[in-house]
Amino acid sequence: METRIESFEALLNAEIFAGLLRRHDIPARVENTHTVSAQGLWGQALGHFKVMVPNAHSLDARGLLKRWRDGEFALDDAADAAPADGS
């Protein structure tokens, strides 16, 4: 059996979060990718793009979701900026 960890309106966000889970050795898949991508209006009825994990991993996945929402995995914008001297 599987548990829905989160639903996302945007496929990209669902895939990024599923990738984060996989990176932490939690098997994850995104549900409704084909249906909602083809018929966007069905997204609300189907629950958008659902990130699913096996029940045994649900607590760890929810912990990662909280850390992700809290910004722990956010990139530092300053790290992407070019140095002030132009080098």
N, C-alpha and C. Protein backbone atom coordinates (compact mmCIF):
# COMPACT_ATOMS: atom_id res chain seq x y z
N MET A 1 0.84 -1.19 0.00
CA MET A 1 0.00 0.00 0.00
C MET A 1 0.88 1.24 0.00
N GLU A 2 0.28 2.32 -0.50
CA GLU A 2 1.00 3.58 -0.60
C GLU A 2 0.25 4.69 0.14
N THR A 3 1.00 5.72 0.48
CA THR A 3 0.46 6.89 1.15
C THR A 3 0.75 8.12 0.30
N ARG A 4 -0.25 9.01 0.20
CA ARG A 4 -0.02 10.29 -0.47
C ARG A 4 0.66 11.20 0.54
N ILE A 5 1.82 11.71 0.16
CA ILE A 5 2.57 12.60 1.05
C ILE A 5 2.16 14.05 0.81
N GLU A 6 1.98 14.42 -0.47
CA GLU A 6 1.60 15.79 -0.80
C GLU A 6 1.03 15.81 -2.21
N SER A 7 0.22 16.80 -2.48
CA SER A 7 -0.29 17.05 -3.83
C SER A 7 0.22 18.40 -4.29
N PHE A 8 0.60 18.48 -5.55
CA PHE A 8 1.14 19.70 -6.12
C PHE A 8 0.33 20.08 -7.35
N GLU A 9 0.08 21.37 -7.53
CA GLU A 9 -0.60 21.83 -8.73
C GLU A 9 0.34 21.78 -9.94
N ALA A 10 1.63 21.95 -9.70
CA ALA A 10 2.61 21.96 -10.79
C ALA A 10 3.39 20.64 -10.82
N LEU A 11 3.45 20.03 -11.98
CA LEU A 11 4.18 18.77 -12.14
C LEU A 11 5.64 18.92 -11.77
N LEU A 12 6.26 20.03 -12.13
CA LEU A 12 7.67 20.24 -11.84
C LEU A 12 7.94 20.17 -10.34
N ASN A 13 7.10 20.81 -9.53
CA ASN A 13 7.28 20.75 -8.08
C ASN A 13 7.12 19.34 -7.55
N ALA A 14 6.16 18.61 -8.08
CA ALA A 14 5.95 17.23 -7.65
C ALA A 14 7.16 16.37 -7.99
N GLU A 15 7.70 16.54 -9.18
CA GLU A 15 8.88 15.76 -9.59
C GLU A 15 10.12 16.14 -8.79
N ILE A 16 10.28 17.42 -8.48
CA ILE A 16 11.42 17.85 -7.67
C ILE A 16 11.34 17.23 -6.28
N PHE A 17 10.16 17.27 -5.68
CA PHE A 17 10.02 16.70 -4.34
C PHE A 17 10.20 15.17 -4.38
N ALA A 18 9.64 14.52 -5.37
CA ALA A 18 9.82 13.06 -5.50
C ALA A 18 11.30 12.73 -5.67
N GLY A 19 12.02 13.54 -6.43
CA GLY A 19 13.46 13.34 -6.59
C GLY A 19 14.21 13.51 -5.28
N LEU A 20 13.79 14.47 -4.47
CA LEU A 20 14.40 14.65 -3.15
C LEU A 20 14.19 13.41 -2.29
N LEU A 21 12.98 12.88 -2.33
CA LEU A 21 12.70 11.66 -1.57
C LEU A 21 13.58 10.51 -2.06
N ARG A 22 13.68 10.34 -3.37
CA ARG A 22 14.50 9.25 -3.93
C ARG A 22 15.96 9.43 -3.53
N ARG A 23 16.43 10.67 -3.50
CA ARG A 23 17.82 10.97 -3.11
C ARG A 23 18.08 10.53 -1.68
N HIS A 24 17.03 10.52 -0.87
CA HIS A 24 17.13 10.08 0.52
C HIS A 24 16.67 8.62 0.68
N ASP A 25 16.75 7.87 -0.40
CA ASP A 25 16.44 6.43 -0.41
C ASP A 25 15.00 6.11 -0.03
N ILE A 26 14.09 7.00 -0.37
CA ILE A 26 12.66 6.76 -0.17
C ILE A 26 12.05 6.58 -1.56
N PRO A 27 11.55 5.38 -1.86
CA PRO A 27 10.92 5.18 -3.17
C PRO A 27 9.69 6.08 -3.31
N ALA A 28 9.65 6.85 -4.38
CA ALA A 28 8.53 7.78 -4.57
C ALA A 28 8.13 7.79 -6.03
N ARG A 29 6.85 8.06 -6.23
CA ARG A 29 6.36 8.20 -7.60
C ARG A 29 5.33 9.32 -7.62
N VAL A 30 5.17 9.92 -8.80
CA VAL A 30 4.18 10.99 -8.97
C VAL A 30 3.00 10.40 -9.73
N GLU A 31 1.84 10.54 -9.15
CA GLU A 31 0.61 9.99 -9.73
C GLU A 31 -0.14 11.08 -10.50
N ASN A 32 -0.88 10.67 -11.50
CA ASN A 32 -1.73 11.53 -12.34
C ASN A 32 -0.93 12.34 -13.36
N THR A 33 0.30 11.97 -13.64
CA THR A 33 1.11 12.80 -14.53
C THR A 33 0.52 12.88 -15.93
N HIS A 34 0.09 11.77 -16.48
CA HIS A 34 -0.42 11.78 -17.85
C HIS A 34 -1.82 12.40 -17.93
N THR A 35 -2.67 12.03 -17.02
CA THR A 35 -4.05 12.50 -17.06
C THR A 35 -4.14 14.00 -16.86
N VAL A 36 -3.49 14.51 -15.80
CA VAL A 36 -3.59 15.94 -15.50
C VAL A 36 -2.80 16.76 -16.51
N SER A 37 -1.70 16.22 -17.02
CA SER A 37 -0.94 16.94 -18.06
C SER A 37 -1.78 17.08 -19.33
N ALA A 38 -2.53 16.06 -19.67
CA ALA A 38 -3.35 16.10 -20.88
C ALA A 38 -4.62 16.91 -20.69
N GLN A 39 -5.21 16.83 -19.53
CA GLN A 39 -6.47 17.53 -19.23
C GLN A 39 -6.32 18.30 -17.92
N GLY A 40 -5.70 19.46 -17.99
CA GLY A 40 -5.41 20.25 -16.81
C GLY A 40 -6.60 20.54 -15.92
N LEU A 41 -7.79 20.66 -16.53
CA LEU A 41 -8.99 20.95 -15.74
C LEU A 41 -9.37 19.80 -14.82
N TRP A 42 -8.86 18.62 -15.10
CA TRP A 42 -9.15 17.47 -14.24
C TRP A 42 -8.30 17.48 -12.97
N GLY A 43 -7.30 18.32 -12.93
CA GLY A 43 -6.37 18.34 -11.80
C GLY A 43 -7.06 18.49 -10.46
N GLN A 44 -7.96 19.43 -10.37
CA GLN A 44 -8.65 19.66 -9.10
C GLN A 44 -9.49 18.45 -8.71
N ALA A 45 -10.15 17.84 -9.67
CA ALA A 45 -11.00 16.68 -9.37
C ALA A 45 -10.17 15.48 -8.94
N LEU A 46 -8.99 15.33 -9.53
CA LEU A 46 -8.15 14.16 -9.23
C LEU A 46 -7.15 14.40 -8.10
N GLY A 47 -7.07 15.63 -7.62
CA GLY A 47 -6.12 15.91 -6.55
C GLY A 47 -4.76 16.34 -7.06
N HIS A 48 -4.71 16.86 -8.27
CA HIS A 48 -3.48 17.35 -8.89
C HIS A 48 -2.44 16.22 -9.00
N PHE A 49 -1.15 16.59 -8.89
CA PHE A 49 -0.07 15.62 -9.00
C PHE A 49 0.28 15.14 -7.60
N LYS A 50 0.04 13.87 -7.33
CA LYS A 50 0.24 13.31 -5.99
C LYS A 50 1.58 12.63 -5.89
N VAL A 51 2.33 12.94 -4.85
CA VAL A 51 3.58 12.24 -4.57
C VAL A 51 3.24 11.11 -3.61
N MET A 52 3.51 9.89 -4.07
CA MET A 52 3.15 8.68 -3.33
C MET A 52 4.40 7.94 -2.89
N VAL A 53 4.36 7.38 -1.67
CA VAL A 53 5.45 6.54 -1.17
C VAL A 53 4.85 5.32 -0.50
N PRO A 54 5.63 4.23 -0.39
CA PRO A 54 5.14 3.07 0.35
C PRO A 54 4.86 3.45 1.81
N ASN A 55 3.86 2.83 2.39
CA ASN A 55 3.47 3.14 3.76
C ASN A 55 4.64 3.10 4.74
N ALA A 56 5.55 2.16 4.55
CA ALA A 56 6.67 2.00 5.47
C ALA A 56 7.59 3.23 5.49
N HIS A 57 7.52 4.07 4.46
CA HIS A 57 8.39 5.24 4.36
C HIS A 57 7.65 6.55 4.62
N SER A 58 6.39 6.48 5.00
CA SER A 58 5.58 7.71 5.08
C SER A 58 6.08 8.68 6.15
N LEU A 59 6.50 8.20 7.30
CA LEU A 59 6.97 9.12 8.35
C LEU A 59 8.24 9.85 7.92
N ASP A 60 9.18 9.12 7.33
CA ASP A 60 10.41 9.75 6.85
C ASP A 60 10.10 10.76 5.75
N ALA A 61 9.18 10.39 4.86
CA ALA A 61 8.82 11.29 3.75
C ALA A 61 8.16 12.56 4.28
N ARG A 62 7.29 12.44 5.27
CA ARG A 62 6.65 13.62 5.85
C ARG A 62 7.68 14.51 6.55
N GLY A 63 8.67 13.90 7.16
CA GLY A 63 9.75 14.67 7.78
C GLY A 63 10.52 15.47 6.74
N LEU A 64 10.82 14.83 5.61
CA LEU A 64 11.51 15.54 4.52
C LEU A 64 10.63 16.64 3.94
N LEU A 65 9.33 16.40 3.85
CA LEU A 65 8.42 17.43 3.35
C LEU A 65 8.47 18.66 4.25
N LYS A 66 8.46 18.45 5.55
CA LYS A 66 8.54 19.58 6.48
C LYS A 66 9.85 20.33 6.31
N ARG A 67 10.95 19.61 6.21
CA ARG A 67 12.26 20.25 6.03
C ARG A 67 12.30 21.02 4.71
N TRP A 68 11.69 20.46 3.66
CA TRP A 68 11.66 21.11 2.35
C TRP A 68 10.83 22.39 2.42
N ARG A 69 9.67 22.31 3.07
CA ARG A 69 8.82 23.50 3.22
C ARG A 69 9.49 24.58 4.05
N ASP A 70 10.29 24.15 5.03
CA ASP A 70 10.99 25.11 5.90
C ASP A 70 12.19 25.75 5.20
N GLY A 71 12.50 25.31 3.98
CA GLY A 71 13.56 25.92 3.20
C GLY A 71 14.94 25.33 3.41
N GLU A 72 15.01 24.20 4.07
CA GLU A 72 16.32 23.61 4.36
C GLU A 72 17.10 23.26 3.08
N PHE A 73 16.41 22.94 2.02
CA PHE A 73 17.08 22.54 0.78
C PHE A 73 17.12 23.66 -0.26
N ALA A 74 16.72 24.86 0.14
CA ALA A 74 16.70 26.00 -0.79
C ALA A 74 18.12 26.39 -1.17
N LEU A 75 18.26 26.84 -2.40
CA LEU A 75 19.56 27.32 -2.86
C LEU A 75 19.76 28.75 -2.41
N ASP A 76 20.99 29.09 -2.10
CA ASP A 76 21.34 30.44 -1.70
C ASP A 76 21.49 31.28 -2.96
N ASP A 77 20.64 32.30 -3.11
CA ASP A 77 20.70 33.16 -4.29
C ASP A 77 22.06 33.83 -4.44
N ALA A 78 22.70 34.15 -3.33
CA ALA A 78 24.00 34.82 -3.40
C ALA A 78 25.06 33.91 -4.00
N ALA A 79 24.92 32.60 -3.83
CA ALA A 79 25.89 31.66 -4.40
C ALA A 79 25.82 31.63 -5.91
N ASP A 80 24.66 31.98 -6.47
CA ASP A 80 24.50 31.98 -7.92
C ASP A 80 24.92 33.30 -8.57
N ALA A 81 25.09 34.33 -7.77
CA ALA A 81 25.42 35.65 -8.30
C ALA A 81 26.89 35.69 -8.72
N ALA A 82 27.16 36.47 -9.75
CA ALA A 82 28.55 36.65 -10.21
C ALA A 82 29.31 37.49 -9.18
N PRO A 83 30.60 37.24 -9.04
CA PRO A 83 31.39 38.06 -8.11
C PRO A 83 31.34 39.54 -8.51
N ALA A 84 31.45 40.41 -7.53
CA ALA A 84 31.34 41.85 -7.78
C ALA A 84 32.44 42.37 -8.71
N ASP A 85 33.62 41.72 -8.70
CA ASP A 85 34.71 42.20 -9.54
C ASP A 85 34.61 41.72 -10.99
N GLY A 86 33.57 40.92 -11.28
CA GLY A 86 33.32 40.47 -12.65
C GLY A 86 34.12 39.26 -13.08
N SER A 87 34.90 38.70 -12.17
CA SER A 87 35.71 37.53 -12.55
C SER A 87 34.97 36.24 -12.41
